[in-house]
Amino acid sequence: MGLTPELARWRKAERQTLIARRMAAPPAEHVRWSAAIESQLRAAFPFGGGWVVGLCWPFQAEFDARPFATHLRSLGARLALPMVIAKGCPLEFREWWPGVLMASGVYDLPVPDGTVALVPDALLVPPVGIGQQGDRLGYGGGFFDRTLAALDPRPLTVAHAFELSRIPTTHPQPHDVLMDFVVTEAGIQAAVPGGLEAVTVEKCRRRAERLAARRGLPRHPSARV
């Protein structure tokens, strides 16, 4: 069942408000928040050899995950950027590394040109809004939810956002997939029954290891090369 017209209108208006709020953030604050997010990602999610990590090209003043992803590549991970194949279809992930030939994709975002398709074991997900259950408001295409529903095993999902992206709820529907972890400049949270729970770096790593083992992913995140 699709969204009701009322919920679709609410999500569209909320999306516009949140994007405008993010884009209006002072540049110095954006830099400070981004540094805090990257520091926590590096400490808590050192995905290394054997892992394929999907990320998104930064859009409309999002946190830029590329420096962290490049760090993961130095640990032995392979990186991939999403490509829209067709409306209503899951995303396809193409291998990416700094300097690879790129083409223009949806929203004029660059996508790797002619590299191999990879299946991600972990996804760095940039939400427009993040709810108190780990529910995510995206850009409205539904691509990430369809992709996560189609992937088996399901990858670890790490949402990265600024605190100004918080909302009480996105009114998640049955097809909406909750994030496993949420990282903001204020800290790390894990999605647990009943909502998001603040966790330390060490507790986050242990939880990620358990989820990875349970889902049959290739290697525990804390394993280093």
C-alpha atoms as a PDB file:
ATOM      1  CA  MET A   1       0.000   0.000   0.000  1.00  0.00           C
ATOM      2  CA  GLY A   2       1.340   3.445  -0.891  1.00  0.00           C
ATOM      3  CA  LEU A   3       1.432   6.545   1.253  1.00  0.00           C
ATOM      4  CA  THR A   4      -1.822   8.332   1.954  1.00  0.00           C
ATOM      5  CA  PRO A   5      -2.088  11.713   0.211  1.00  0.00           C
ATOM      6  CA  GLU A   6      -1.943  13.436   3.617  1.00  0.00           C
ATOM      7  CA  LEU A   7       1.267  11.668   4.651  1.00  0.00           C
ATOM      8  CA  ALA A   8       2.833  12.266   1.239  1.00  0.00           C
ATOM      9  CA  ARG A   9       2.123  15.997   1.559  1.00  0.00           C
ATOM     10  CA  TRP A  10       3.472  16.073   5.110  1.00  0.00           C
ATOM     11  CA  ARG A  11       6.683  14.297   4.095  1.00  0.00           C
ATOM     12  CA  LYS A  12       7.197  16.633   1.143  1.00  0.00           C
ATOM     13  CA  ALA A  13       6.799  19.721   3.328  1.00  0.00           C
ATOM     14  CA  GLU A  14       9.019  18.278   6.080  1.00  0.00           C
ATOM     15  CA  ARG A  15      11.661  17.360   3.511  1.00  0.00           C
ATOM     16  CA  GLN A  16      11.742  20.910   2.158  1.00  0.00           C
ATOM     17  CA  THR A  17      12.001  22.363   5.668  1.00  0.00           C
ATOM     18  CA  LEU A  18      14.832  20.060   6.700  1.00  0.00           C
ATOM     19  CA  ILE A  19      16.865  20.587   3.533  1.00  0.00           C
ATOM     20  CA  ALA A  20      16.506  24.360   3.862  1.00  0.00           C
ATOM     21  CA  ARG A  21      17.587  24.163   7.509  1.00  0.00           C
ATOM     22  CA  ARG A  22      20.657  22.094   6.609  1.00  0.00           C
ATOM     23  CA  MET A  23      21.676  24.349   3.741  1.00  0.00           C
ATOM     24  CA  ALA A  24      21.348  27.431   5.963  1.00  0.00           C
ATOM     25  CA  ALA A  25      23.767  26.066   8.572  1.00  0.00           C
ATOM     26  CA  PRO A  26      26.835  28.312   9.034  1.00  0.00           C
ATOM     27  CA  PRO A  27      29.852  26.931   7.131  1.00  0.00           C
ATOM     28  CA  ALA A  28      32.007  26.891  10.259  1.00  0.00           C
ATOM     29  CA  GLU A  29      29.408  24.805  12.085  1.00  0.00           C
ATOM     30  CA  HIS A  30      29.123  22.448   9.123  1.00  0.00           C
ATOM     31  CA  VAL A  31      32.885  21.875   9.271  1.00  0.00           C
ATOM     32  CA  ARG A  32      32.834  21.318  13.044  1.00  0.00           C
ATOM     33  CA  TRP A  33      29.879  18.938  12.923  1.00  0.00           C
ATOM     34  CA  SER A  34      31.388  17.013  10.021  1.00  0.00           C
ATOM     35  CA  ALA A  35      34.695  16.554  11.833  1.00  0.00           C
ATOM     36  CA  ALA A  36      32.863  15.149  14.876  1.00  0.00           C
ATOM     37  CA  ILE A  37      30.850  12.724  12.737  1.00  0.00           C
ATOM     38  CA  GLU A  38      33.905  11.491  10.848  1.00  0.00           C
ATOM     39  CA  SER A  39      35.842  10.967  14.078  1.00  0.00           C
ATOM     40  CA  GLN A  40      33.079   8.759  15.470  1.00  0.00           C
ATOM     41  CA  LEU A  41      32.704   6.818  12.227  1.00  0.00           C
ATOM     42  CA  ARG A  42      36.427   6.061  12.179  1.00  0.00           C
ATOM     43  CA  ALA A  43      36.406   4.886  15.779  1.00  0.00           C
ATOM     44  CA  ALA A  44      33.236   2.799  15.661  1.00  0.00           C
ATOM     45  CA  PHE A  45      33.075   1.361  12.122  1.00  0.00           C
ATOM     46  CA  PRO A  46      36.543   0.371  10.849  1.00  0.00           C
ATOM     47  CA  PHE A  47      35.217  -1.817   8.019  1.00  0.00           C
ATOM     48  CA  GLY A  48      38.324  -3.340   6.485  1.00  0.00           C
ATOM     49  CA  GLY A  49      39.375  -6.071   4.086  1.00  0.00           C
ATOM     50  CA  GLY A  50      36.551  -8.257   2.780  1.00  0.00           C
ATOM     51  CA  TRP A  51      33.938  -5.501   3.097  1.00  0.00           C
ATOM     52  CA  VAL A  52      32.121  -3.590   0.372  1.00  0.00           C
ATOM     53  CA  VAL A  53      30.937  -0.229   1.695  1.00  0.00           C
ATOM     54  CA  GLY A  54      28.330   1.813  -0.147  1.00  0.00           C
ATOM     55  CA  LEU A  55      28.211   5.577   0.256  1.00  0.00           C
ATOM     56  CA  CYS A  56      26.528   8.538  -1.404  1.00  0.00           C
ATOM     57  CA  TRP A  57      28.005  11.557  -3.119  1.00  0.00           C
ATOM     58  CA  PRO A  58      27.218  14.557  -0.872  1.00  0.00           C
ATOM     59  CA  PHE A  59      24.139  16.524  -1.910  1.00  0.00           C
ATOM     60  CA  GLN A  60      22.613  19.772  -0.663  1.00  0.00           C
ATOM     61  CA  ALA A  61      25.023  20.347   2.252  1.00  0.00           C
ATOM     62  CA  GLU A  62      24.981  16.771   3.543  1.00  0.00           C
ATOM     63  CA  PHE A  63      27.858  15.377   5.558  1.00  0.00           C
ATOM     64  CA  ASP A  64      30.581  14.348   3.109  1.00  0.00           C
ATOM     65  CA  ALA A  65      31.316  10.654   3.727  1.00  0.00           C
ATOM     66  CA  ARG A  66      34.033  10.423   1.066  1.00  0.00           C
ATOM     67  CA  PRO A  67      37.046  11.140   3.334  1.00  0.00           C
ATOM     68  CA  PHE A  68      35.897   8.446   5.772  1.00  0.00           C
ATOM     69  CA  ALA A  69      35.250   6.024   2.925  1.00  0.00           C
ATOM     70  CA  THR A  70      38.687   6.709   1.460  1.00  0.00           C
ATOM     71  CA  HIS A  71      40.108   5.876   4.901  1.00  0.00           C
ATOM     72  CA  LEU A  72      38.200   2.580   4.789  1.00  0.00           C
ATOM     73  CA  ARG A  73      39.739   1.867   1.418  1.00  0.00           C
ATOM     74  CA  SER A  74      43.161   2.221   3.019  1.00  0.00           C
ATOM     75  CA  LEU A  75      42.050  -0.567   5.417  1.00  0.00           C
ATOM     76  CA  GLY A  76      41.210  -2.828   2.485  1.00  0.00           C
ATOM     77  CA  ALA A  77      37.510  -2.136   1.934  1.00  0.00           C
ATOM     78  CA  ARG A  78      36.039  -1.695  -1.530  1.00  0.00           C
ATOM     79  CA  LEU A  79      33.767   1.304  -2.073  1.00  0.00           C
ATOM     80  CA  ALA A  80      30.653   1.726  -4.184  1.00  0.00           C
ATOM     81  CA  LEU A  81      28.325   4.546  -5.186  1.00  0.00           C
ATOM     82  CA  PRO A  82      24.620   4.031  -5.983  1.00  0.00           C
ATOM     83  CA  MET A  83      23.203   4.311  -9.467  1.00  0.00           C
ATOM     84  CA  VAL A  84      19.519   4.662 -10.320  1.00  0.00           C
ATOM     85  CA  ILE A  85      18.664   2.052 -12.938  1.00  0.00           C
ATOM     86  CA  ALA A  86      14.949   2.763 -13.331  1.00  0.00           C
ATOM     87  CA  LYS A  87      12.063   4.196 -11.349  1.00  0.00           C
ATOM     88  CA  GLY A  88      10.685   1.649  -8.917  1.00  0.00           C
ATOM     89  CA  CYS A  89      13.810  -0.519  -9.037  1.00  0.00           C
ATOM     90  CA  PRO A  90      16.499  -1.100  -6.401  1.00  0.00           C
ATOM     91  CA  LEU A  91      19.719   0.853  -6.702  1.00  0.00           C
ATOM     92  CA  GLU A  92      22.771  -0.663  -8.333  1.00  0.00           C
ATOM     93  CA  PHE A  93      26.132  -0.008  -6.695  1.00  0.00           C
ATOM     94  CA  ARG A  94      29.190   0.628  -8.852  1.00  0.00           C
ATOM     95  CA  GLU A  95      32.740   0.440  -7.557  1.00  0.00           C
ATOM     96  CA  TRP A  96      34.269   3.832  -6.828  1.00  0.00           C
ATOM     97  CA  TRP A  97      37.661   5.132  -5.843  1.00  0.00           C
ATOM     98  CA  PRO A  98      39.099   8.666  -5.919  1.00  0.00           C
ATOM     99  CA  GLY A  99      40.039   9.573  -9.475  1.00  0.00           C
ATOM    100  CA  VAL A 100      37.871   7.004 -11.268  1.00  0.00           C
ATOM    101  CA  LEU A 101      36.095   8.168 -14.441  1.00  0.00           C
ATOM    102  CA  MET A 102      32.628   9.509 -13.582  1.00  0.00           C
ATOM    103  CA  ALA A 103      29.401  10.214 -15.464  1.00  0.00           C
ATOM    104  CA  SER A 104      26.362  12.318 -14.551  1.00  0.00           C
ATOM    105  CA  GLY A 105      23.477  10.517 -12.868  1.00  0.00           C
ATOM    106  CA  VAL A 106      20.178  11.438 -11.212  1.00  0.00           C
ATOM    107  CA  TYR A 107      20.149  14.964  -9.709  1.00  0.00           C
ATOM    108  CA  ASP A 108      23.339  15.486 -11.761  1.00  0.00           C
ATOM    109  CA  LEU A 109      25.254  13.569  -9.096  1.00  0.00           C
ATOM    110  CA  PRO A 110      28.373  11.811 -10.382  1.00  0.00           C
ATOM    111  CA  VAL A 111      28.348   8.023 -10.723  1.00  0.00           C
ATOM    112  CA  PRO A 112      31.235   5.722 -11.688  1.00  0.00           C
ATOM    113  CA  ASP A 113      31.457   5.218 -15.432  1.00  0.00           C
ATOM    114  CA  GLY A 114      31.872   1.583 -16.438  1.00  0.00           C
ATOM    115  CA  THR A 115      33.136   0.094 -13.174  1.00  0.00           C
ATOM    116  CA  VAL A 116      31.931  -3.255 -11.859  1.00  0.00           C
ATOM    117  CA  ALA A 117      28.698  -3.680  -9.911  1.00  0.00           C
ATOM    118  CA  LEU A 118      29.184  -4.618  -6.255  1.00  0.00           C
ATOM    119  CA  VAL A 119      26.826  -5.763  -3.501  1.00  0.00           C
ATOM    120  CA  PRO A 120      27.362  -3.669  -0.351  1.00  0.00           C
ATOM    121  CA  ASP A 121      27.920  -5.246   3.047  1.00  0.00           C
ATOM    122  CA  ALA A 122      27.521  -1.869   4.769  1.00  0.00           C
ATOM    123  CA  LEU A 123      25.785   1.327   3.702  1.00  0.00           C
ATOM    124  CA  LEU A 124      26.555   4.887   4.802  1.00  0.00           C
ATOM    125  CA  VAL A 125      23.140   6.495   4.421  1.00  0.00           C
ATOM    126  CA  PRO A 126      22.488  10.270   4.364  1.00  0.00           C
ATOM    127  CA  PRO A 127      18.940  10.914   5.615  1.00  0.00           C
ATOM    128  CA  VAL A 128      17.107  14.177   5.117  1.00  0.00           C
ATOM    129  CA  GLY A 129      15.401  13.565   8.451  1.00  0.00           C
ATOM    130  CA  ILE A 130      15.892  10.940  11.137  1.00  0.00           C
ATOM    131  CA  GLY A 131      13.160   9.845  13.534  1.00  0.00           C
ATOM    132  CA  GLN A 132      13.404   8.535  17.071  1.00  0.00           C
ATOM    133  CA  GLN A 133      13.157   4.883  16.016  1.00  0.00           C
ATOM    134  CA  GLY A 134      15.937   5.080  13.433  1.00  0.00           C
ATOM    135  CA  ASP A 135      13.306   5.728  10.777  1.00  0.00           C
ATOM    136  CA  ARG A 136      14.579   7.785   7.880  1.00  0.00           C
ATOM    137  CA  LEU A 137      13.080  10.481   5.675  1.00  0.00           C
ATOM    138  CA  GLY A 138      14.817  10.468   2.301  1.00  0.00           C
ATOM    139  CA  TYR A 139      14.368  12.407  -0.903  1.00  0.00           C
ATOM    140  CA  GLY A 140      11.100  10.715  -1.801  1.00  0.00           C
ATOM    141  CA  GLY A 141      12.096   8.159  -4.421  1.00  0.00           C
ATOM    142  CA  GLY A 142      11.993   5.127  -2.110  1.00  0.00           C
ATOM    143  CA  PHE A 143      15.192   3.761  -3.637  1.00  0.00           C
ATOM    144  CA  PHE A 144      16.994   2.906  -0.404  1.00  0.00           C
ATOM    145  CA  ASP A 145      14.018   1.058   1.080  1.00  0.00           C
ATOM    146  CA  ARG A 146      13.585  -1.006  -2.097  1.00  0.00           C
ATOM    147  CA  THR A 147      17.318  -1.705  -2.188  1.00  0.00           C
ATOM    148  CA  LEU A 148      17.489  -2.824   1.439  1.00  0.00           C
ATOM    149  CA  ALA A 149      14.433  -5.029   0.958  1.00  0.00           C
ATOM    150  CA  ALA A 150      16.096  -6.693  -2.041  1.00  0.00           C
ATOM    151  CA  LEU A 151      19.522  -7.342  -0.496  1.00  0.00           C
ATOM    152  CA  ASP A 152      20.205 -10.651   1.238  1.00  0.00           C
ATOM    153  CA  PRO A 153      22.014 -10.580   3.560  1.00  0.00           C
ATOM    154  CA  ARG A 154      20.874  -7.133   4.557  1.00  0.00           C
ATOM    155  CA  PRO A 155      23.840  -4.770   4.876  1.00  0.00           C
ATOM    156  CA  LEU A 156      24.641  -2.887   8.052  1.00  0.00           C
ATOM    157  CA  THR A 157      23.101   0.570   7.725  1.00  0.00           C
ATOM    158  CA  VAL A 158      24.761   3.587   9.297  1.00  0.00           C
ATOM    159  CA  ALA A 159      22.840   6.845   8.934  1.00  0.00           C
ATOM    160  CA  HIS A 160      24.977   9.980   9.196  1.00  0.00           C
ATOM    161  CA  ALA A 161      23.239  13.296   9.770  1.00  0.00           C
ATOM    162  CA  PHE A 162      23.492  16.558  11.635  1.00  0.00           C
ATOM    163  CA  GLU A 163      21.461  17.029  14.793  1.00  0.00           C
ATOM    164  CA  LEU A 164      19.314  19.594  12.983  1.00  0.00           C
ATOM    165  CA  SER A 165      17.922  16.672  10.959  1.00  0.00           C
ATOM    166  CA  ARG A 166      16.154  15.200  13.997  1.00  0.00           C
ATOM    167  CA  ILE A 167      12.384  14.907  13.944  1.00  0.00           C
ATOM    168  CA  PRO A 168      10.088  13.022  16.332  1.00  0.00           C
ATOM    169  CA  THR A 169       8.945  10.601  13.633  1.00  0.00           C
ATOM    170  CA  THR A 170       8.782  10.119   9.888  1.00  0.00           C
ATOM    171  CA  HIS A 171       5.545   8.111  10.390  1.00  0.00           C
ATOM    172  CA  PRO A 172       7.257   4.952   9.065  1.00  0.00           C
ATOM    173  CA  GLN A 173       5.227   2.589   6.919  1.00  0.00           C
ATOM    174  CA  PRO A 174       5.584  -1.216   6.728  1.00  0.00           C
ATOM    175  CA  HIS A 175       7.964  -0.914   3.759  1.00  0.00           C
ATOM    176  CA  ASP A 176      10.244   1.607   5.484  1.00  0.00           C
ATOM    177  CA  VAL A 177      13.487   0.073   6.765  1.00  0.00           C
ATOM    178  CA  LEU A 178      14.958   1.321  10.049  1.00  0.00           C
ATOM    179  CA  MET A 179      18.638   2.195  10.193  1.00  0.00           C
ATOM    180  CA  ASP A 180      20.899   0.045  12.388  1.00  0.00           C
ATOM    181  CA  PHE A 181      22.892   3.008  13.681  1.00  0.00           C
ATOM    182  CA  VAL A 182      22.622   6.800  13.634  1.00  0.00           C
ATOM    183  CA  VAL A 183      25.747   8.963  13.909  1.00  0.00           C
ATOM    184  CA  THR A 184      25.529  12.718  14.436  1.00  0.00           C
ATOM    185  CA  GLU A 185      27.935  15.307  15.798  1.00  0.00           C
ATOM    186  CA  ALA A 186      26.420  14.599  19.236  1.00  0.00           C
ATOM    187  CA  GLY A 187      27.143  10.883  19.352  1.00  0.00           C
ATOM    188  CA  ILE A 188      26.212   7.390  18.203  1.00  0.00           C
ATOM    189  CA  GLN A 189      22.876   5.663  18.657  1.00  0.00           C
ATOM    190  CA  ALA A 190      21.762   2.125  17.923  1.00  0.00           C
ATOM    191  CA  ALA A 191      18.255   1.198  16.856  1.00  0.00           C
ATOM    192  CA  VAL A 192      16.833  -1.113  19.522  1.00  0.00           C
ATOM    193  CA  PRO A 193      13.278  -2.193  20.321  1.00  0.00           C
ATOM    194  CA  GLY A 194      11.506   0.924  21.502  1.00  0.00           C
ATOM    195  CA  GLY A 195      13.700   3.486  19.759  1.00  0.00           C
ATOM    196  CA  LEU A 196      17.242   4.805  19.476  1.00  0.00           C
ATOM    197  CA  GLU A 197      19.682   4.171  22.319  1.00  0.00           C
ATOM    198  CA  ALA A 198      22.886   6.132  22.885  1.00  0.00           C
ATOM    199  CA  VAL A 199      25.940   3.850  22.786  1.00  0.00           C
ATOM    200  CA  THR A 200      29.650   4.259  23.332  1.00  0.00           C
ATOM    201  CA  VAL A 201      32.114   3.593  20.535  1.00  0.00           C
ATOM    202  CA  GLU A 202      33.036   0.230  22.062  1.00  0.00           C
ATOM    203  CA  LYS A 203      29.423  -0.830  22.566  1.00  0.00           C
ATOM    204  CA  CYS A 204      28.640   0.234  19.006  1.00  0.00           C
ATOM    205  CA  ARG A 205      31.470  -1.893  17.649  1.00  0.00           C
ATOM    206  CA  ARG A 206      30.344  -4.939  19.622  1.00  0.00           C
ATOM    207  CA  ARG A 207      26.757  -4.510  18.447  1.00  0.00           C
ATOM    208  CA  ALA A 208      27.902  -4.101  14.841  1.00  0.00           C
ATOM    209  CA  GLU A 209      29.966  -7.275  15.162  1.00  0.00           C
ATOM    210  CA  ARG A 210      26.953  -9.214  16.425  1.00  0.00           C
ATOM    211  CA  LEU A 211      24.706  -7.900  13.645  1.00  0.00           C
ATOM    212  CA  ALA A 212      27.331  -8.710  11.025  1.00  0.00           C
ATOM    213  CA  ALA A 213      27.735 -12.266  12.321  1.00  0.00           C
ATOM    214  CA  ARG A 214      23.966 -12.777  12.561  1.00  0.00           C
ATOM    215  CA  ARG A 215      23.437 -11.621   8.971  1.00  0.00           C
ATOM    216  CA  GLY A 216      26.341 -13.619   7.565  1.00  0.00           C
ATOM    217  CA  LEU A 217      28.318 -10.598   6.443  1.00  0.00           C
ATOM    218  CA  PRO A 218      31.921 -11.263   5.449  1.00  0.00           C
ATOM    219  CA  ARG A 219      33.845 -10.031   8.430  1.00  0.00           C
ATOM    220  CA  HIS A 220      33.337  -8.321  11.751  1.00  0.00           C
ATOM    221  CA  PRO A 221      33.663  -4.548  11.475  1.00  0.00           C
ATOM    222  CA  SER A 222      36.324  -4.354  14.166  1.00  0.00           C
ATOM    223  CA  ALA A 223      38.647  -6.693  12.265  1.00  0.00           C
ATOM    224  CA  ARG A 224      41.544  -4.734  10.862  1.00  0.00           C
ATOM    225  CA  VAL A 225      43.837  -5.581   8.012  1.00  0.00           C
END
